[in-house]
C-alpha atoms as a PDB file:
ATOM      1  CA  MET A   1     -77.259  14.134 -92.088  1.00  0.00           C
ATOM      2  CA  ASP A   2     -80.217  13.897 -89.840  1.00  0.00           C
ATOM      3  CA  SER A   3     -78.908  13.886 -86.294  1.00  0.00           C
ATOM      4  CA  PRO A   4     -80.535  11.462 -83.839  1.00  0.00           C
ATOM      5  CA  PRO A   5     -81.660  12.692 -80.417  1.00  0.00           C
ATOM      6  CA  GLY A   6     -79.008  12.424 -77.761  1.00  0.00           C
ATOM      7  CA  SER A   7     -76.103  13.217 -80.036  1.00  0.00           C
ATOM      8  CA  GLU A   8     -73.634  15.486 -78.363  1.00  0.00           C
ATOM      9  CA  ARG A   9     -72.922  18.868 -79.796  1.00  0.00           C
ATOM     10  CA  ALA A  10     -69.261  19.602 -80.225  1.00  0.00           C
ATOM     11  CA  GLU A  11     -67.940  22.989 -79.198  1.00  0.00           C
ATOM     12  CA  GLY A  12     -66.347  25.069 -81.844  1.00  0.00           C
ATOM     13  CA  GLU A  13     -63.426  26.159 -79.707  1.00  0.00           C
ATOM     14  CA  GLY A  14     -61.144  24.316 -77.365  1.00  0.00           C
ATOM     15  CA  PRO A  15     -60.213  25.447 -73.852  1.00  0.00           C
ATOM     16  CA  SER A  16     -58.219  28.619 -73.656  1.00  0.00           C
ATOM     17  CA  SER A  17     -54.737  28.554 -72.204  1.00  0.00           C
ATOM     18  CA  THR A  18     -53.087  31.174 -70.024  1.00  0.00           C
ATOM     19  CA  ALA A  19     -49.537  32.336 -70.589  1.00  0.00           C
ATOM     20  CA  THR A  20     -47.481  34.663 -68.462  1.00  0.00           C
ATOM     21  CA  GLY A  21     -44.137  36.368 -68.915  1.00  0.00           C
ATOM     22  CA  SER A  22     -42.276  36.248 -72.214  1.00  0.00           C
ATOM     23  CA  ILE A  23     -44.103  35.317 -75.451  1.00  0.00           C
ATOM     24  CA  ASP A  24     -42.314  33.511 -78.290  1.00  0.00           C
ATOM     25  CA  GLY A  25     -42.141  36.675 -80.356  1.00  0.00           C
ATOM     26  CA  GLY A  26     -39.781  38.236 -77.778  1.00  0.00           C
ATOM     27  CA  ALA A  27     -42.322  40.649 -76.280  1.00  0.00           C
ATOM     28  CA  THR A  28     -42.859  40.596 -72.535  1.00  0.00           C
ATOM     29  CA  VAL A  29     -46.366  40.883 -71.208  1.00  0.00           C
ATOM     30  CA  GLY A  30     -47.141  41.746 -67.633  1.00  0.00           C
ATOM     31  CA  GLY A  31     -50.051  39.658 -66.387  1.00  0.00           C
ATOM     32  CA  SER A  32     -51.857  36.882 -68.228  1.00  0.00           C
ATOM     33  CA  THR A  33     -52.766  36.459 -71.852  1.00  0.00           C
ATOM     34  CA  GLU A  34     -55.500  34.072 -73.029  1.00  0.00           C
ATOM     35  CA  ALA A  35     -54.776  32.259 -76.273  1.00  0.00           C
ATOM     36  CA  ALA A  36     -57.989  30.780 -77.659  1.00  0.00           C
ATOM     37  CA  ALA A  37     -57.772  27.829 -80.013  1.00  0.00           C
ATOM     38  CA  PRO A  38     -59.000  28.536 -83.542  1.00  0.00           C
ATOM     39  CA  PRO A  39     -62.613  27.478 -84.179  1.00  0.00           C
ATOM     40  CA  LEU A  40     -63.195  24.109 -85.789  1.00  0.00           C
ATOM     41  CA  SER A  41     -64.320  23.947 -89.379  1.00  0.00           C
ATOM     42  CA  ARG A  42     -67.842  22.807 -90.179  1.00  0.00           C
ATOM     43  CA  TYR A  43     -66.494  19.439 -91.325  1.00  0.00           C
ATOM     44  CA  GLU A  44     -64.439  18.904 -88.157  1.00  0.00           C
ATOM     45  CA  SER A  45     -67.362  19.902 -85.927  1.00  0.00           C
ATOM     46  CA  GLN A  46     -69.698  17.500 -87.725  1.00  0.00           C
ATOM     47  CA  LYS A  47     -67.097  14.729 -87.577  1.00  0.00           C
ATOM     48  CA  ARG A  48     -66.749  15.190 -83.810  1.00  0.00           C
ATOM     49  CA  ARG A  49     -70.529  15.084 -83.324  1.00  0.00           C
ATOM     50  CA  ASP A  50     -70.785  11.937 -85.455  1.00  0.00           C
ATOM     51  CA  TRP A  51     -67.990  10.269 -83.499  1.00  0.00           C
ATOM     52  CA  ASN A  52     -69.637  11.114 -80.171  1.00  0.00           C
ATOM     53  CA  THR A  53     -72.962   9.783 -81.452  1.00  0.00           C
ATOM     54  CA  PHE A  54     -71.383   6.495 -82.513  1.00  0.00           C
ATOM     55  CA  GLN A  55     -69.616   6.087 -79.179  1.00  0.00           C
ATOM     56  CA  GLN A  56     -72.907   6.718 -77.393  1.00  0.00           C
ATOM     57  CA  TYR A  57     -74.500   4.038 -79.578  1.00  0.00           C
ATOM     58  CA  LEU A  58     -71.806   1.550 -78.560  1.00  0.00           C
ATOM     59  CA  ARG A  59     -72.380   2.304 -74.879  1.00  0.00           C
ATOM     60  CA  ASN A  60     -76.131   1.818 -75.218  1.00  0.00           C
ATOM     61  CA  HIS A  61     -75.763  -1.360 -77.263  1.00  0.00           C
ATOM     62  CA  LYS A  62     -76.972  -4.567 -75.624  1.00  0.00           C
ATOM     63  CA  PRO A  63     -74.632  -6.100 -74.758  1.00  0.00           C
ATOM     64  CA  PRO A  64     -72.375  -3.013 -74.648  1.00  0.00           C
ATOM     65  CA  LEU A  65     -69.732  -2.872 -77.346  1.00  0.00           C
ATOM     66  CA  THR A  66     -66.172  -1.626 -77.178  1.00  0.00           C
ATOM     67  CA  LEU A  67     -64.540   0.015 -80.165  1.00  0.00           C
ATOM     68  CA  PRO A  68     -61.861  -2.700 -80.654  1.00  0.00           C
ATOM     69  CA  ARG A  69     -64.618  -5.314 -80.957  1.00  0.00           C
ATOM     70  CA  CYS A  70     -66.680  -3.265 -83.414  1.00  0.00           C
ATOM     71  CA  SER A  71     -67.003  -4.843 -86.866  1.00  0.00           C
ATOM     72  CA  GLY A  72     -68.488  -3.892 -90.196  1.00  0.00           C
ATOM     73  CA  ALA A  73     -71.678  -5.707 -89.182  1.00  0.00           C
ATOM     74  CA  HIS A  74     -72.018  -3.402 -86.168  1.00  0.00           C
ATOM     75  CA  VAL A  75     -71.514  -0.369 -88.403  1.00  0.00           C
ATOM     76  CA  ILE A  76     -74.329  -1.553 -90.686  1.00  0.00           C
ATOM     77  CA  GLU A  77     -76.515  -2.107 -87.621  1.00  0.00           C
ATOM     78  CA  PHE A  78     -75.767   1.505 -86.612  1.00  0.00           C
ATOM     79  CA  LEU A  79     -76.749   2.811 -90.051  1.00  0.00           C
ATOM     80  CA  LYS A  80     -80.051   0.906 -89.916  1.00  0.00           C
ATOM     81  CA  TYR A  81     -80.677   2.315 -86.440  1.00  0.00           C
ATOM     82  CA  LEU A  82     -80.293   5.842 -87.835  1.00  0.00           C
ATOM     83  CA  ASP A  83     -83.049   5.240 -90.398  1.00  0.00           C
ATOM     84  CA  GLN A  84     -85.679   5.952 -87.769  1.00  0.00           C
ATOM     85  CA  PHE A  85     -84.482   9.565 -87.671  1.00  0.00           C
ATOM     86  CA  GLY A  86     -84.392   9.977 -91.459  1.00  0.00           C
ATOM     87  CA  LYS A  87     -86.521  12.414 -93.437  1.00  0.00           C
ATOM     88  CA  THR A  88     -86.161  11.003 -96.934  1.00  0.00           C
ATOM     89  CA  LYS A  89     -89.301   9.270 -98.211  1.00  0.00           C
ATOM     90  CA  VAL A  90     -88.448   5.888 -99.714  1.00  0.00           C
ATOM     91  CA  HIS A  91     -91.409   4.305-101.539  1.00  0.00           C
ATOM     92  CA  VAL A  92     -92.020   0.580-101.131  1.00  0.00           C
ATOM     93  CA  THR A  93     -92.623  -1.685-104.117  1.00  0.00           C
ATOM     94  CA  GLY A  94     -96.416  -1.708-103.731  1.00  0.00           C
ATOM     95  CA  CYS A  95     -96.729   2.077-103.488  1.00  0.00           C
ATOM     96  CA  PRO A  96     -98.374   3.743-106.525  1.00  0.00           C
ATOM     97  CA  TYR A  97     -95.627   6.384-106.379  1.00  0.00           C
ATOM     98  CA  PHE A  98     -92.788   3.882-106.526  1.00  0.00           C
ATOM     99  CA  GLY A  99     -90.170   5.202-108.939  1.00  0.00           C
ATOM    100  CA  GLN A 100     -91.707   8.675-109.147  1.00  0.00           C
ATOM    101  CA  PRO A 101     -89.341  11.518-108.199  1.00  0.00           C
ATOM    102  CA  ASN A 102     -92.191  13.977-107.550  1.00  0.00           C
ATOM    103  CA  PRO A 103     -95.278  12.181-106.171  1.00  0.00           C
ATOM    104  CA  PRO A 104     -98.454  14.297-106.372  1.00  0.00           C
ATOM    105  CA  SER A 105     -99.621  13.524-102.825  1.00  0.00           C
ATOM    106  CA  PRO A 106     -98.359  12.073 -99.532  1.00  0.00           C
ATOM    107  CA  CYS A 107     -98.192   8.334 -98.903  1.00  0.00           C
ATOM    108  CA  GLY A 108     -97.560   6.029 -95.974  1.00  0.00           C
ATOM    109  CA  CYS A 109     -94.113   4.850 -97.041  1.00  0.00           C
ATOM    110  CA  PRO A 110     -91.327   5.057 -94.448  1.00  0.00           C
ATOM    111  CA  SER A 111     -88.787   7.836 -94.224  1.00  0.00           C
ATOM    112  CA  LYS A 112     -85.134   6.857 -94.040  1.00  0.00           C
ATOM    113  CA  GLN A 113     -81.687   8.343 -94.121  1.00  0.00           C
ATOM    114  CA  ALA A 114     -80.728   9.366 -97.638  1.00  0.00           C
ATOM    115  CA  TRP A 115     -77.917   7.393 -99.233  1.00  0.00           C
ATOM    116  CA  GLY A 116     -75.795  10.513 -99.685  1.00  0.00           C
ATOM    117  CA  SER A 117     -76.021  11.328 -95.985  1.00  0.00           C
ATOM    118  CA  LEU A 118     -74.989   7.807 -94.984  1.00  0.00           C
ATOM    119  CA  ASP A 119     -72.105   7.801 -97.427  1.00  0.00           C
ATOM    120  CA  ALA A 120     -70.785  11.119 -96.083  1.00  0.00           C
ATOM    121  CA  LEU A 121     -71.270   9.920 -92.497  1.00  0.00           C
ATOM    122  CA  ILE A 122     -69.180   6.803 -93.103  1.00  0.00           C
ATOM    123  CA  GLY A 123     -66.439   8.947 -94.610  1.00  0.00           C
ATOM    124  CA  ARG A 124     -66.284  11.128 -91.504  1.00  0.00           C
ATOM    125  CA  LEU A 125     -66.395   8.191 -89.100  1.00  0.00           C
ATOM    126  CA  ARG A 126     -63.724   6.363 -91.061  1.00  0.00           C
ATOM    127  CA  ALA A 127     -61.419   9.362 -90.668  1.00  0.00           C
ATOM    128  CA  ALA A 128     -62.322   9.858 -86.990  1.00  0.00           C
ATOM    129  CA  TYR A 129     -61.572   6.212 -86.200  1.00  0.00           C
ATOM    130  CA  GLU A 130     -57.989   6.533 -87.395  1.00  0.00           C
ATOM    131  CA  GLU A 131     -57.542   9.967 -85.827  1.00  0.00           C
ATOM    132  CA  ASN A 132     -58.479   8.426 -82.480  1.00  0.00           C
ATOM    133  CA  GLY A 133     -55.823   5.731 -82.641  1.00  0.00           C
ATOM    134  CA  GLY A 134     -57.485   3.057 -84.776  1.00  0.00           C
ATOM    135  CA  ARG A 135     -55.424   1.149 -87.325  1.00  0.00           C
ATOM    136  CA  PRO A 136     -56.420   1.560 -90.980  1.00  0.00           C
ATOM    137  CA  GLU A 137     -56.337  -2.196 -91.602  1.00  0.00           C
ATOM    138  CA  SER A 138     -58.871  -2.816 -88.811  1.00  0.00           C
ATOM    139  CA  ASN A 139     -61.131   0.175 -89.564  1.00  0.00           C
ATOM    140  CA  PRO A 140     -64.721  -1.185 -89.417  1.00  0.00           C
ATOM    141  CA  PHE A 141     -66.030   1.809 -91.373  1.00  0.00           C
ATOM    142  CA  GLY A 142     -63.905   0.778 -94.344  1.00  0.00           C
ATOM    143  CA  ALA A 143     -65.048  -2.847 -94.286  1.00  0.00           C
ATOM    144  CA  LYS A 144     -66.166  -4.438 -97.542  1.00  0.00           C
ATOM    145  CA  ALA A 145     -69.561  -5.285 -96.021  1.00  0.00           C
ATOM    146  CA  VAL A 146     -70.183  -1.587 -95.328  1.00  0.00           C
ATOM    147  CA  ARG A 147     -69.334  -0.623 -98.911  1.00  0.00           C
ATOM    148  CA  ILE A 148     -71.669  -3.312-100.237  1.00  0.00           C
ATOM    149  CA  TYR A 149     -74.465  -2.135 -97.924  1.00  0.00           C
ATOM    150  CA  LEU A 150     -74.085   1.486 -99.055  1.00  0.00           C
ATOM    151  CA  ARG A 151     -74.165   0.405-102.693  1.00  0.00           C
ATOM    152  CA  GLU A 152     -77.361  -1.564-102.080  1.00  0.00           C
ATOM    153  CA  VAL A 153     -78.951   1.432-100.323  1.00  0.00           C
ATOM    154  CA  ARG A 154     -77.990   3.688-103.229  1.00  0.00           C
ATOM    155  CA  GLU A 155     -79.478   1.354-105.821  1.00  0.00           C
ATOM    156  CA  SER A 156     -82.681   0.645-103.896  1.00  0.00           C
ATOM    157  CA  GLN A 157     -83.315   4.323-103.174  1.00  0.00           C
ATOM    158  CA  ALA A 158     -82.629   5.227-106.797  1.00  0.00           C
ATOM    159  CA  LYS A 159     -85.332   2.800-107.926  1.00  0.00           C
ATOM    160  CA  ALA A 160     -87.802   3.713-105.197  1.00  0.00           C
ATOM    161  CA  ARG A 161     -87.451   7.472-105.652  1.00  0.00           C
ATOM    162  CA  GLY A 162     -86.882   7.509-109.403  1.00  0.00           C
ATOM    163  CA  ILE A 163     -83.684   9.475-108.896  1.00  0.00           C
ATOM    164  CA  PRO A 164     -80.578   7.824-110.360  1.00  0.00           C
ATOM    165  CA  TYR A 165     -77.328   8.362-108.526  1.00  0.00           C
ATOM    166  CA  GLU A 166     -74.486   8.814-110.976  1.00  0.00           C
ATOM    167  CA  LYS A 167     -70.840   9.224-110.172  1.00  0.00           C
ATOM    168  CA  LYS A 168     -69.364  12.494-111.326  1.00  0.00           C
ATOM    169  CA  LYS A 169     -66.846  11.753-114.041  1.00  0.00           C
ATOM    170  CA  ARG A 170     -63.729  13.866-114.069  1.00  0.00           C
ATOM    171  CA  LYS A 171     -63.410  15.669-117.378  1.00  0.00           C
ATOM    172  CA  ARG A 172     -60.204  14.895-119.219  1.00  0.00           C
ATOM    173  CA  PRO A 173     -58.693  17.321-121.713  1.00  0.00           C
ATOM    174  CA  SER A 174     -58.889  16.296-125.351  1.00  0.00           C
ATOM    175  CA  SER A 175     -55.730  15.160-127.099  1.00  0.00           C
ATOM    176  CA  SER A 176     -55.502  18.405-129.076  1.00  0.00           C
ATOM    177  CA  THR A 177     -55.784  20.459-125.892  1.00  0.00           C
ATOM    178  CA  ALA A 178     -53.137  18.342-124.180  1.00  0.00           C
ATOM    179  CA  ILE A 179     -50.741  18.766-127.122  1.00  0.00           C
ATOM    180  CA  ALA A 180     -51.318  22.506-127.198  1.00  0.00           C
ATOM    181  CA  THR A 181     -50.656  22.744-123.475  1.00  0.00           C
ATOM    182  CA  ALA A 182     -47.501  20.670-123.718  1.00  0.00           C
ATOM    183  CA  GLY A 183     -46.211  22.838-126.524  1.00  0.00           C
ATOM    184  CA  GLY A 184     -46.814  26.110-124.719  1.00  0.00           C
ATOM    185  CA  ASP A 185     -44.319  28.330-122.944  1.00  0.00           C
ATOM    186  CA  GLY A 186     -44.665  26.501-119.592  1.00  0.00           C
ATOM    187  CA  GLY A 187     -46.115  29.475-117.743  1.00  0.00           C
ATOM    188  CA  GLY A 188     -49.648  28.149-117.394  1.00  0.00           C
ATOM    189  CA  GLY A 189     -49.416  26.726-113.884  1.00  0.00           C
ATOM    190  CA  GLY A 190     -51.434  23.463-114.240  1.00  0.00           C
ATOM    191  CA  GLY A 191     -54.980  22.465-113.411  1.00  0.00           C
ATOM    192  CA  ASP A 192     -56.995  21.761-110.321  1.00  0.00           C
ATOM    193  CA  VAL A 193     -55.337  20.028-107.409  1.00  0.00           C
ATOM    194  CA  GLY A 194     -57.205  17.655-105.119  1.00  0.00           C
ATOM    195  CA  SER A 195     -60.590  18.141-106.745  1.00  0.00           C
ATOM    196  CA  GLY A 196     -63.295  15.971-105.232  1.00  0.00           C
ATOM    197  CA  GLY A 197     -61.043  14.559-102.479  1.00  0.00           C
ATOM    198  CA  GLY A 198     -63.294  14.002 -99.476  1.00  0.00           C
ATOM    199  CA  VAL A 199     -61.559  12.786 -96.296  1.00  0.00           C
ATOM    200  CA  GLY A 200     -62.152   9.121 -95.702  1.00  0.00           C
ATOM    201  CA  GLY A 201     -64.647   8.853 -98.535  1.00  0.00           C
ATOM    202  CA  ASN A 202     -65.899   5.484 -99.726  1.00  0.00           C
ATOM    203  CA  GLU A 203     -66.443   4.235-103.224  1.00  0.00           C
ATOM    204  CA  SER A 204     -69.761   2.528-103.548  1.00  0.00           C
END
């Protein structure tokens, strides 16, 4: 998603550690050996940046907010704050290009964060909250109000931009295919595992 100014950039690698003497494998090394932590994945790096950005937002909030006191309403306030850094043109009702996916010329309508970016952001923050000691039952990023807000953003942007957002439906095998598979020799090995499983994703 569009990153607001001031967000901290997470480093891909953690601090290196120094080991001396015997290594677990049984080999003895004279001197020091630096063992660098493996680099973070793109998802983990983005999740860390998002978490740092949200914490910075809480510190700058007036009055300042602490994480235990953060609610779904504060999360929605954060998402609205991010709109000022968005790059997705969302046409207002009175705009002649309202509902047109490819307007022929520029207009003065505001740019906002795209629904897909906000939805992915909430998924990452929801996971980060629990990874940093938060309880799932008190996770503000999973609040019902946040899900309702994201659904409203999706629907309003779909109308304004003329681009419908449709959930991807998982294809199910036909009955004849299922019977044929069940009657086979058992050596097929099954289908996809974990397809479409985003960490901390929300249903809107």
